[in-house]
Amino acid sequence: MTFGESLKAAREAKSLSLEDVASATRINKKYLQAIENGAKVDLPELYVQAFIKDYAAFVGILPESAPHQAQQELSIEQGRIASTVSSTVTTTNLPGSSAIKYPKPLKPKRSHQFVTLL
């Protein structure tokens, strides 16, 4: 059983819907579904860890171990994806990967003002 499945089981054991959890934790329902399904969430990792911790605490799972256990599952999956991508894409065949030439910085123009003294 994955960690997301254990969250879902704990939620269902308390007869809570995703809407109940979303309103209590203030986490969007689509993120809760993604966490339960083990899908990738398009958010910074810190947010995902906080969401997992809050969700786990709400359904009664120890929140201290929640982000670590979920992160292990996600890193295994991300490792598979990363190895697949790195074997098919290299930096030499990406468009625009040649050296970028930046323009030279402009020199400041000097202005001369003549002052006439009487």
N, C-alpha and C. Protein backbone atom coordinates (compact mmCIF):
# COMPACT_ATOMS: atom_id res chain seq x y z
N MET A 1 0.85 -1.18 0.00
CA MET A 1 0.00 0.00 0.00
C MET A 1 0.90 1.24 0.00
N THR A 2 0.65 2.15 -0.94
CA THR A 2 1.42 3.38 -1.00
C THR A 2 0.96 4.34 0.09
N PHE A 3 1.74 5.38 0.30
CA PHE A 3 1.38 6.34 1.33
C PHE A 3 0.09 7.08 0.97
N GLY A 4 -0.09 7.41 -0.31
CA GLY A 4 -1.32 8.05 -0.74
C GLY A 4 -2.54 7.18 -0.49
N GLU A 5 -2.38 5.88 -0.73
CA GLU A 5 -3.48 4.95 -0.46
C GLU A 5 -3.79 4.87 1.03
N SER A 6 -2.75 4.94 1.87
CA SER A 6 -2.99 4.91 3.31
C SER A 6 -3.69 6.19 3.78
N LEU A 7 -3.38 7.33 3.15
CA LEU A 7 -4.10 8.57 3.46
C LEU A 7 -5.58 8.44 3.08
N LYS A 8 -5.82 7.88 1.91
CA LYS A 8 -7.19 7.71 1.44
C LYS A 8 -7.96 6.76 2.35
N ALA A 9 -7.31 5.66 2.74
CA ALA A 9 -7.96 4.69 3.63
C ALA A 9 -8.28 5.32 4.98
N ALA A 10 -7.37 6.13 5.52
CA ALA A 10 -7.61 6.79 6.80
C ALA A 10 -8.75 7.80 6.68
N ARG A 11 -8.80 8.49 5.54
CA ARG A 11 -9.89 9.46 5.31
C ARG A 11 -11.23 8.74 5.23
N GLU A 12 -11.28 7.65 4.47
CA GLU A 12 -12.53 6.90 4.32
C GLU A 12 -12.94 6.22 5.62
N ALA A 13 -11.97 5.82 6.45
CA ALA A 13 -12.29 5.20 7.74
C ALA A 13 -13.00 6.20 8.66
N LYS A 14 -12.70 7.48 8.48
CA LYS A 14 -13.36 8.52 9.28
C LYS A 14 -14.61 9.06 8.59
N SER A 15 -15.00 8.44 7.48
CA SER A 15 -16.17 8.85 6.69
C SER A 15 -16.08 10.31 6.25
N LEU A 16 -14.90 10.69 5.79
CA LEU A 16 -14.68 12.06 5.31
C LEU A 16 -14.57 12.05 3.79
N SER A 17 -15.14 13.06 3.17
CA SER A 17 -14.99 13.22 1.73
C SER A 17 -13.78 14.11 1.46
N LEU A 18 -13.35 14.14 0.20
CA LEU A 18 -12.25 15.04 -0.15
C LEU A 18 -12.64 16.49 0.09
N GLU A 19 -13.91 16.81 -0.11
CA GLU A 19 -14.39 18.17 0.14
C GLU A 19 -14.25 18.54 1.61
N ASP A 20 -14.53 17.57 2.50
CA ASP A 20 -14.38 17.81 3.94
C ASP A 20 -12.92 18.13 4.29
N VAL A 21 -12.02 17.32 3.74
CA VAL A 21 -10.60 17.52 4.01
C VAL A 21 -10.13 18.84 3.41
N ALA A 22 -10.59 19.13 2.19
CA ALA A 22 -10.18 20.36 1.52
C ALA A 22 -10.63 21.59 2.30
N SER A 23 -11.86 21.58 2.79
CA SER A 23 -12.34 22.75 3.53
C SER A 23 -11.67 22.88 4.89
N ALA A 24 -11.36 21.76 5.54
CA ALA A 24 -10.73 21.82 6.86
C ALA A 24 -9.25 22.19 6.78
N THR A 25 -8.56 21.69 5.77
CA THR A 25 -7.11 21.94 5.66
C THR A 25 -6.78 23.11 4.75
N ARG A 26 -7.78 23.58 4.01
CA ARG A 26 -7.61 24.67 3.04
C ARG A 26 -6.63 24.29 1.92
N ILE A 27 -6.65 23.01 1.58
CA ILE A 27 -5.85 22.50 0.46
C ILE A 27 -6.81 22.21 -0.68
N ASN A 28 -6.45 22.66 -1.87
CA ASN A 28 -7.29 22.45 -3.05
C ASN A 28 -7.54 20.96 -3.26
N LYS A 29 -8.76 20.64 -3.66
CA LYS A 29 -9.18 19.25 -3.83
C LYS A 29 -8.33 18.52 -4.87
N LYS A 30 -7.92 19.21 -5.93
CA LYS A 30 -7.13 18.54 -6.97
C LYS A 30 -5.76 18.12 -6.43
N TYR A 31 -5.19 18.88 -5.49
CA TYR A 31 -3.92 18.50 -4.89
C TYR A 31 -4.09 17.30 -3.96
N LEU A 32 -5.20 17.27 -3.24
CA LEU A 32 -5.48 16.13 -2.37
C LEU A 32 -5.63 14.85 -3.20
N GLN A 33 -6.34 14.95 -4.32
CA GLN A 33 -6.50 13.79 -5.20
C GLN A 33 -5.16 13.33 -5.75
N ALA A 34 -4.33 14.29 -6.15
CA ALA A 34 -3.01 13.93 -6.68
C ALA A 34 -2.15 13.25 -5.62
N ILE A 35 -2.23 13.73 -4.39
CA ILE A 35 -1.47 13.11 -3.30
C ILE A 35 -1.95 11.69 -3.06
N GLU A 36 -3.27 11.49 -3.05
CA GLU A 36 -3.81 10.14 -2.85
C GLU A 36 -3.44 9.20 -3.98
N ASN A 37 -3.42 9.71 -5.21
CA ASN A 37 -3.12 8.87 -6.36
C ASN A 37 -1.63 8.71 -6.62
N GLY A 38 -0.81 9.45 -5.87
CA GLY A 38 0.64 9.39 -6.07
C GLY A 38 1.08 10.10 -7.33
N ALA A 39 0.24 10.99 -7.84
CA ALA A 39 0.57 11.73 -9.06
C ALA A 39 1.47 12.92 -8.71
N LYS A 40 2.18 13.39 -9.72
CA LYS A 40 3.05 14.54 -9.53
C LYS A 40 2.20 15.80 -9.40
N VAL A 41 2.56 16.62 -8.43
CA VAL A 41 1.86 17.88 -8.20
C VAL A 41 2.76 19.00 -8.69
N ASP A 42 2.23 19.88 -9.53
CA ASP A 42 3.02 20.98 -10.08
C ASP A 42 3.11 22.14 -9.11
N LEU A 43 3.77 21.89 -8.01
CA LEU A 43 4.01 22.90 -6.98
C LEU A 43 5.42 22.72 -6.46
N PRO A 44 5.98 23.74 -5.84
CA PRO A 44 7.29 23.54 -5.21
C PRO A 44 7.23 22.44 -4.15
N GLU A 45 8.34 21.75 -4.00
CA GLU A 45 8.40 20.60 -3.09
C GLU A 45 8.01 20.96 -1.66
N LEU A 46 8.37 22.15 -1.24
CA LEU A 46 8.05 22.58 0.12
C LEU A 46 6.54 22.63 0.35
N TYR A 47 5.79 23.12 -0.64
CA TYR A 47 4.34 23.16 -0.54
C TYR A 47 3.75 21.75 -0.47
N VAL A 48 4.26 20.87 -1.33
CA VAL A 48 3.75 19.50 -1.36
C VAL A 48 3.99 18.82 -0.01
N GLN A 49 5.17 19.01 0.55
CA GLN A 49 5.47 18.41 1.86
C GLN A 49 4.54 18.96 2.93
N ALA A 50 4.28 20.27 2.89
CA ALA A 50 3.37 20.87 3.88
C ALA A 50 1.95 20.33 3.70
N PHE A 51 1.50 20.18 2.45
CA PHE A 51 0.17 19.64 2.20
C PHE A 51 0.06 18.21 2.73
N ILE A 52 1.08 17.40 2.47
CA ILE A 52 1.06 16.01 2.93
C ILE A 52 1.02 15.97 4.45
N LYS A 53 1.82 16.81 5.09
CA LYS A 53 1.88 16.83 6.55
C LYS A 53 0.53 17.24 7.14
N ASP A 54 -0.09 18.28 6.57
CA ASP A 54 -1.39 18.74 7.06
C ASP A 54 -2.48 17.69 6.83
N TYR A 55 -2.46 17.08 5.66
CA TYR A 55 -3.45 16.06 5.33
C TYR A 55 -3.30 14.86 6.28
N ALA A 56 -2.06 14.43 6.48
CA ALA A 56 -1.82 13.28 7.36
C ALA A 56 -2.25 13.58 8.79
N ALA A 57 -1.96 14.78 9.27
CA ALA A 57 -2.36 15.15 10.63
C ALA A 57 -3.87 15.19 10.76
N PHE A 58 -4.55 15.66 9.73
CA PHE A 58 -6.01 15.77 9.78
C PHE A 58 -6.69 14.41 9.86
N VAL A 59 -6.13 13.43 9.13
CA VAL A 59 -6.76 12.10 9.13
C VAL A 59 -6.20 11.19 10.21
N GLY A 60 -5.24 11.68 11.00
CA GLY A 60 -4.76 10.92 12.14
C GLY A 60 -3.52 10.09 11.93
N ILE A 61 -2.77 10.36 10.87
CA ILE A 61 -1.50 9.67 10.65
C ILE A 61 -0.40 10.56 11.22
N LEU A 62 0.63 9.95 11.78
CA LEU A 62 1.71 10.74 12.37
C LEU A 62 2.31 11.69 11.34
N PRO A 63 2.20 12.99 11.54
CA PRO A 63 2.65 13.93 10.53
C PRO A 63 4.16 14.01 10.38
N GLU A 64 4.93 13.61 11.40
CA GLU A 64 6.39 13.72 11.31
C GLU A 64 6.96 12.80 10.23
N SER A 65 6.40 11.60 10.11
CA SER A 65 6.93 10.65 9.14
C SER A 65 6.26 10.79 7.78
N ALA A 66 5.19 11.53 7.70
CA ALA A 66 4.42 11.60 6.45
C ALA A 66 5.21 12.15 5.28
N PRO A 67 5.81 13.35 5.37
CA PRO A 67 6.52 13.86 4.20
C PRO A 67 7.69 12.98 3.79
N HIS A 68 8.39 12.39 4.77
CA HIS A 68 9.55 11.55 4.44
C HIS A 68 9.12 10.30 3.68
N GLN A 69 8.08 9.64 4.16
CA GLN A 69 7.59 8.42 3.51
C GLN A 69 7.06 8.74 2.11
N ALA A 70 6.31 9.82 1.99
CA ALA A 70 5.78 10.20 0.68
C ALA A 70 6.91 10.61 -0.26
N GLN A 71 7.91 11.31 0.27
CA GLN A 71 9.03 11.76 -0.56
C GLN A 71 9.82 10.57 -1.09
N GLN A 72 9.97 9.52 -0.30
CA GLN A 72 10.66 8.32 -0.78
C GLN A 72 9.94 7.73 -1.97
N GLU A 73 8.62 7.66 -1.91
CA GLU A 73 7.85 7.11 -3.03
C GLU A 73 7.98 8.01 -4.25
N LEU A 74 7.90 9.33 -4.04
CA LEU A 74 8.00 10.25 -5.17
C LEU A 74 9.39 10.24 -5.77
N SER A 75 10.44 10.16 -4.96
CA SER A 75 11.81 10.20 -5.49
C SER A 75 12.11 8.95 -6.30
N ILE A 76 11.54 7.82 -5.92
CA ILE A 76 11.72 6.60 -6.72
C ILE A 76 11.11 6.81 -8.10
N GLU A 77 9.90 7.36 -8.13
CA GLU A 77 9.23 7.60 -9.41
C GLU A 77 9.96 8.66 -10.21
N GLN A 78 10.41 9.73 -9.56
CA GLN A 78 11.13 10.79 -10.26
C GLN A 78 12.46 10.27 -10.78
N GLY A 79 13.08 9.35 -10.06
CA GLY A 79 14.33 8.75 -10.52
C GLY A 79 14.14 7.98 -11.81
N ARG A 80 13.03 7.26 -11.92
CA ARG A 80 12.72 6.54 -13.16
C ARG A 80 12.52 7.51 -14.31
N ILE A 81 11.78 8.57 -14.05
CA ILE A 81 11.52 9.57 -15.09
C ILE A 81 12.81 10.25 -15.49
N ALA A 82 13.63 10.63 -14.52
CA ALA A 82 14.88 11.33 -14.81
C ALA A 82 15.82 10.46 -15.63
N SER A 83 15.91 9.17 -15.32
CA SER A 83 16.80 8.30 -16.09
C SER A 83 16.30 8.12 -17.51
N THR A 84 15.00 8.08 -17.71
CA THR A 84 14.44 7.97 -19.05
C THR A 84 14.71 9.23 -19.86
N VAL A 85 14.51 10.37 -19.24
CA VAL A 85 14.72 11.64 -19.93
C VAL A 85 16.19 11.84 -20.24
N SER A 86 17.07 11.55 -19.30
CA SER A 86 18.49 11.79 -19.53
C SER A 86 19.05 10.88 -20.62
N SER A 87 18.45 9.72 -20.82
CA SER A 87 18.95 8.84 -21.86
C SER A 87 18.46 9.26 -23.25
N THR A 88 17.40 10.06 -23.33
CA THR A 88 16.88 10.45 -24.63
C THR A 88 17.20 11.90 -25.00
N VAL A 89 17.48 12.73 -24.03
CA VAL A 89 17.73 14.14 -24.30
C VAL A 89 19.09 14.51 -23.74
N THR A 90 19.91 15.11 -24.57
CA THR A 90 21.18 15.63 -24.09
C THR A 90 21.22 17.12 -24.34
N THR A 91 22.13 17.80 -23.69
CA THR A 91 22.17 19.26 -23.85
C THR A 91 22.69 19.67 -25.22
N THR A 92 23.37 18.79 -25.93
CA THR A 92 23.91 19.17 -27.22
C THR A 92 22.85 19.18 -28.32
N ASN A 93 21.75 18.46 -28.14
CA ASN A 93 20.74 18.44 -29.19
C ASN A 93 19.53 19.31 -28.86
N LEU A 94 19.66 20.15 -27.84
CA LEU A 94 18.57 21.06 -27.52
C LEU A 94 18.69 22.32 -28.36
N PRO A 95 17.56 22.88 -28.81
CA PRO A 95 17.65 24.13 -29.56
C PRO A 95 18.18 25.24 -28.67
N GLY A 96 19.05 26.06 -29.25
CA GLY A 96 19.59 27.19 -28.50
C GLY A 96 20.66 26.79 -27.51
N SER A 97 21.22 25.57 -27.64
CA SER A 97 22.21 25.13 -26.67
C SER A 97 23.62 25.62 -27.01
N SER A 98 23.78 26.24 -28.20
CA SER A 98 25.10 26.77 -28.53
C SER A 98 25.39 27.97 -27.63
N ALA A 99 26.62 28.38 -27.65
CA ALA A 99 27.03 29.47 -26.76
C ALA A 99 26.23 30.73 -27.07
N ILE A 100 25.75 31.36 -26.04
CA ILE A 100 24.96 32.58 -26.19
C ILE A 100 25.91 33.76 -26.20
N LYS A 101 25.75 34.63 -27.19
CA LYS A 101 26.59 35.82 -27.27
C LYS A 101 25.79 36.99 -26.73
N TYR A 102 26.29 37.55 -25.68
CA TYR A 102 25.64 38.69 -25.08
C TYR A 102 26.22 39.97 -25.66
N PRO A 103 25.40 41.02 -25.83
CA PRO A 103 25.93 42.28 -26.36
C PRO A 103 26.87 42.93 -25.35
N LYS A 104 27.81 43.70 -25.89
CA LYS A 104 28.74 44.40 -25.01
C LYS A 104 27.99 45.51 -24.28
N PRO A 105 28.36 45.76 -23.04
CA PRO A 105 27.69 46.84 -22.32
C PRO A 105 28.03 48.19 -22.94
N LEU A 106 27.07 49.05 -22.94
CA LEU A 106 27.27 50.38 -23.50
C LEU A 106 28.13 51.21 -22.57
N LYS A 107 29.03 52.00 -23.19
CA LYS A 107 29.86 52.89 -22.39
C LYS A 107 29.04 54.14 -22.10
N PRO A 108 29.18 54.68 -20.92
CA PRO A 108 28.42 55.89 -20.62
C PRO A 108 28.91 57.05 -21.48
N LYS A 109 27.97 57.81 -21.98
CA LYS A 109 28.31 58.98 -22.80
C LYS A 109 28.71 60.11 -21.88
N ARG A 110 29.74 60.80 -22.28
CA ARG A 110 30.18 61.94 -21.49
C ARG A 110 29.59 63.20 -22.10
N SER A 111 29.02 63.96 -21.27
CA SER A 111 28.49 65.23 -21.76
C SER A 111 29.30 66.36 -21.14
N HIS A 112 29.61 67.30 -21.96
CA HIS A 112 30.40 68.44 -21.49
C HIS A 112 29.52 69.68 -21.52
N GLN A 113 29.54 70.36 -20.45
CA GLN A 113 28.84 71.63 -20.39
C GLN A 113 29.88 72.71 -20.15
N PHE A 114 29.76 73.71 -20.96
CA PHE A 114 30.69 74.82 -20.80
C PHE A 114 30.01 75.90 -19.98
N VAL A 115 30.73 76.39 -19.04
CA VAL A 115 30.20 77.44 -18.19
C VAL A 115 31.02 78.69 -18.45
N THR A 116 30.35 79.73 -18.73
CA THR A 116 31.02 81.00 -18.98
C THR A 116 30.96 81.84 -17.71
N LEU A 117 32.09 82.30 -17.30
CA LEU A 117 32.16 83.13 -16.12
C LEU A 117 32.30 84.59 -16.53
N LEU A 118 31.59 85.44 -15.93
CA LEU A 118 31.68 86.86 -16.25
C LEU A 118 32.43 87.62 -15.22
